[in-house]
């Protein structure tokens, strides 16, 4: 996904499928809080479902797939 596609997901709940090296994997569901453009790529900030006020960040190379519109519990 490119930056503009991620920006459209801000505020939405998604499920991220992560690489085995990513903390918190293999999947994480939550609301996209923001996207930062780092020197070496994008960084996505997510508020995990079931953990209000908590924030996790994932560098784009840890994200294998994103499922927009996923429902949180």
N, C-alpha and C. Protein backbone atom coordinates (compact mmCIF):
# COMPACT_ATOMS: atom_id res chain seq x y z
N UNK A 1 0.84 -1.18 0.00
CA UNK A 1 0.00 0.00 0.00
C UNK A 1 0.88 1.24 0.00
N UNK A 2 0.41 2.26 -0.64
CA UNK A 2 1.14 3.52 -0.67
C UNK A 2 0.59 4.45 0.41
N UNK A 3 1.32 5.50 0.67
CA UNK A 3 0.98 6.43 1.74
C UNK A 3 -0.47 6.93 1.66
N UNK A 4 -0.91 7.28 0.47
CA UNK A 4 -2.26 7.82 0.30
C UNK A 4 -3.32 6.78 0.68
N UNK A 5 -3.06 5.52 0.37
CA UNK A 5 -4.01 4.46 0.72
C UNK A 5 -4.08 4.29 2.25
N UNK A 6 -2.93 4.36 2.91
CA UNK A 6 -2.91 4.27 4.37
C UNK A 6 -3.63 5.46 4.98
N UNK A 7 -3.40 6.65 4.44
CA UNK A 7 -4.05 7.86 4.98
C UNK A 7 -5.57 7.73 4.94
N UNK A 8 -6.10 7.07 3.93
CA UNK A 8 -7.55 6.87 3.84
C UNK A 8 -8.07 5.92 4.91
N UNK A 9 -7.19 5.11 5.49
CA UNK A 9 -7.59 4.17 6.53
C UNK A 9 -7.55 4.77 7.94
N UNK A 10 -7.00 5.97 8.09
CA UNK A 10 -6.93 6.59 9.42
C UNK A 10 -8.35 6.72 9.98
N UNK A 11 -8.52 6.24 11.21
CA UNK A 11 -9.81 6.27 11.87
C UNK A 11 -10.62 5.00 11.68
N UNK A 12 -10.21 4.14 10.77
CA UNK A 12 -10.94 2.91 10.50
C UNK A 12 -10.32 1.74 11.26
N UNK A 13 -11.13 0.73 11.51
CA UNK A 13 -10.65 -0.50 12.12
C UNK A 13 -10.20 -1.45 11.03
N UNK A 14 -9.01 -2.02 11.21
CA UNK A 14 -8.43 -2.93 10.23
C UNK A 14 -7.80 -4.11 10.97
N UNK A 15 -7.52 -5.16 10.24
CA UNK A 15 -6.70 -6.26 10.74
C UNK A 15 -5.43 -6.30 9.92
N UNK A 16 -4.29 -6.31 10.62
CA UNK A 16 -2.99 -6.42 9.97
C UNK A 16 -2.48 -7.84 10.11
N UNK A 17 -2.03 -8.42 9.02
CA UNK A 17 -1.34 -9.71 9.06
C UNK A 17 0.15 -9.37 9.04
N UNK A 18 0.87 -9.86 10.04
CA UNK A 18 2.25 -9.44 10.26
C UNK A 18 3.26 -10.56 9.98
N UNK A 19 4.50 -10.17 9.74
CA UNK A 19 5.57 -11.15 9.57
C UNK A 19 5.85 -11.82 10.91
N UNK A 20 6.48 -12.99 10.90
CA UNK A 20 6.81 -13.67 12.15
C UNK A 20 7.71 -12.85 13.08
N UNK A 21 8.50 -11.93 12.54
CA UNK A 21 9.40 -11.11 13.35
C UNK A 21 8.70 -9.95 14.06
N UNK A 22 7.48 -9.65 13.66
CA UNK A 22 6.76 -8.50 14.22
C UNK A 22 6.25 -8.81 15.62
N UNK A 23 6.41 -7.86 16.53
CA UNK A 23 5.85 -8.06 17.87
C UNK A 23 4.33 -8.04 17.82
N UNK A 24 3.70 -8.91 18.59
CA UNK A 24 2.25 -8.90 18.67
C UNK A 24 1.54 -9.67 17.59
N UNK A 25 2.28 -10.35 16.71
CA UNK A 25 1.67 -11.04 15.59
C UNK A 25 1.03 -12.35 16.00
N UNK A 26 0.50 -13.13 15.10
CA UNK A 26 0.60 -12.97 13.66
C UNK A 26 -0.38 -11.97 13.07
N UNK A 27 -1.44 -11.61 13.83
CA UNK A 27 -2.36 -10.57 13.36
C UNK A 27 -2.66 -9.64 14.52
N UNK A 28 -3.04 -8.43 14.17
CA UNK A 28 -3.50 -7.47 15.17
C UNK A 28 -4.64 -6.68 14.54
N UNK A 29 -5.71 -6.49 15.31
CA UNK A 29 -6.87 -5.74 14.85
C UNK A 29 -6.98 -4.48 15.69
N UNK A 30 -7.27 -3.37 15.03
CA UNK A 30 -7.43 -2.12 15.76
C UNK A 30 -7.71 -0.96 14.83
N UNK A 31 -7.82 0.22 15.45
CA UNK A 31 -8.12 1.44 14.70
C UNK A 31 -6.82 2.12 14.31
N UNK A 32 -6.71 2.48 13.03
CA UNK A 32 -5.52 3.19 12.53
C UNK A 32 -5.57 4.61 13.06
N UNK A 33 -4.55 4.98 13.83
CA UNK A 33 -4.48 6.33 14.40
C UNK A 33 -3.70 7.30 13.53
N UNK A 34 -2.73 6.78 12.79
CA UNK A 34 -1.94 7.67 11.96
C UNK A 34 -0.88 6.92 11.19
N UNK A 35 -0.29 7.63 10.25
CA UNK A 35 0.76 7.09 9.40
C UNK A 35 1.87 8.13 9.34
N UNK A 36 3.08 7.69 9.63
CA UNK A 36 4.24 8.57 9.56
C UNK A 36 5.14 8.13 8.42
N UNK A 37 5.73 9.09 7.76
CA UNK A 37 6.67 8.77 6.70
C UNK A 37 8.08 8.88 7.26
N UNK A 38 8.73 7.72 7.43
CA UNK A 38 10.10 7.68 7.93
C UNK A 38 11.06 7.69 6.74
N UNK A 39 12.33 7.86 7.03
CA UNK A 39 13.32 7.87 5.95
C UNK A 39 13.34 6.56 5.17
N UNK A 40 13.05 5.45 5.86
CA UNK A 40 13.10 4.15 5.20
C UNK A 40 11.73 3.53 4.97
N UNK A 41 10.68 4.33 5.00
CA UNK A 41 9.35 3.82 4.70
C UNK A 41 8.30 4.30 5.68
N UNK A 42 7.10 3.75 5.56
CA UNK A 42 5.98 4.18 6.39
C UNK A 42 5.93 3.45 7.73
N UNK A 43 5.41 4.14 8.73
CA UNK A 43 5.18 3.58 10.05
C UNK A 43 3.70 3.82 10.37
N UNK A 44 3.00 2.73 10.74
CA UNK A 44 1.57 2.79 11.01
C UNK A 44 1.36 2.71 12.53
N UNK A 45 0.54 3.62 13.07
CA UNK A 45 0.19 3.59 14.49
C UNK A 45 -1.24 3.10 14.62
N UNK A 46 -1.42 2.13 15.52
CA UNK A 46 -2.70 1.45 15.66
C UNK A 46 -3.09 1.41 17.14
N UNK A 47 -4.38 1.58 17.42
CA UNK A 47 -4.92 1.36 18.76
C UNK A 47 -5.59 -0.01 18.73
N UNK A 48 -4.97 -1.01 19.37
CA UNK A 48 -5.51 -2.37 19.29
C UNK A 48 -6.92 -2.47 19.89
N UNK A 49 -7.75 -3.27 19.25
CA UNK A 49 -9.08 -3.55 19.76
C UNK A 49 -8.95 -4.23 21.11
N UNK A 50 -9.74 -3.81 22.07
CA UNK A 50 -9.70 -4.39 23.39
C UNK A 50 -8.67 -3.77 24.32
N UNK A 51 -7.94 -2.79 23.83
CA UNK A 51 -6.93 -2.12 24.65
C UNK A 51 -6.98 -0.61 24.41
N UNK A 52 -8.11 0.03 24.77
CA UNK A 52 -8.26 1.47 24.52
C UNK A 52 -7.13 2.26 25.16
N UNK A 53 -6.65 3.25 24.45
CA UNK A 53 -5.57 4.10 24.94
C UNK A 53 -4.19 3.54 24.69
N UNK A 54 -4.11 2.29 24.26
CA UNK A 54 -2.83 1.67 23.95
C UNK A 54 -2.49 1.94 22.49
N UNK A 55 -1.22 2.12 22.24
CA UNK A 55 -0.79 2.37 20.87
C UNK A 55 0.37 1.45 20.52
N UNK A 56 0.30 0.88 19.32
CA UNK A 56 1.40 0.08 18.80
C UNK A 56 1.77 0.64 17.44
N UNK A 57 3.03 0.52 17.09
CA UNK A 57 3.48 0.99 15.79
C UNK A 57 4.13 -0.17 15.05
N UNK A 58 3.92 -0.17 13.74
CA UNK A 58 4.51 -1.19 12.88
C UNK A 58 5.13 -0.52 11.67
N UNK A 59 6.38 -0.83 11.43
CA UNK A 59 7.05 -0.37 10.22
C UNK A 59 6.48 -1.19 9.07
N UNK A 60 6.35 -0.57 7.92
CA UNK A 60 5.67 -1.20 6.78
C UNK A 60 6.23 -2.58 6.43
N UNK A 61 7.52 -2.82 6.66
CA UNK A 61 8.09 -4.11 6.25
C UNK A 61 7.63 -5.27 7.13
N UNK A 62 6.98 -4.98 8.26
CA UNK A 62 6.40 -6.03 9.10
C UNK A 62 4.96 -6.38 8.69
N UNK A 63 4.36 -5.60 7.83
CA UNK A 63 2.96 -5.79 7.46
C UNK A 63 2.87 -6.55 6.14
N UNK A 64 2.29 -7.75 6.20
CA UNK A 64 2.13 -8.56 5.01
C UNK A 64 0.83 -8.23 4.26
N UNK A 65 -0.22 -7.94 5.03
CA UNK A 65 -1.52 -7.65 4.42
C UNK A 65 -2.36 -6.84 5.39
N UNK A 66 -3.31 -6.09 4.84
CA UNK A 66 -4.24 -5.33 5.65
C UNK A 66 -5.65 -5.64 5.16
N UNK A 67 -6.55 -5.84 6.11
CA UNK A 67 -7.95 -6.11 5.78
C UNK A 67 -8.79 -4.94 6.29
N UNK A 68 -9.09 -3.98 5.41
CA UNK A 68 -9.91 -2.83 5.83
C UNK A 68 -11.31 -3.27 6.20
N UNK A 69 -11.91 -2.55 7.12
CA UNK A 69 -13.30 -2.80 7.48
C UNK A 69 -13.48 -3.96 8.43
N UNK A 70 -12.38 -4.48 8.99
CA UNK A 70 -12.51 -5.57 9.95
C UNK A 70 -13.26 -5.08 11.17
N UNK A 71 -14.00 -5.94 11.79
CA UNK A 71 -14.76 -5.53 12.97
C UNK A 71 -13.96 -5.84 14.21
N UNK A 72 -14.01 -4.91 15.14
CA UNK A 72 -13.33 -5.12 16.40
C UNK A 72 -14.30 -5.57 17.46
N UNK A 73 -13.76 -6.18 18.54
CA UNK A 73 -14.60 -6.71 19.58
C UNK A 73 -14.65 -5.88 20.79
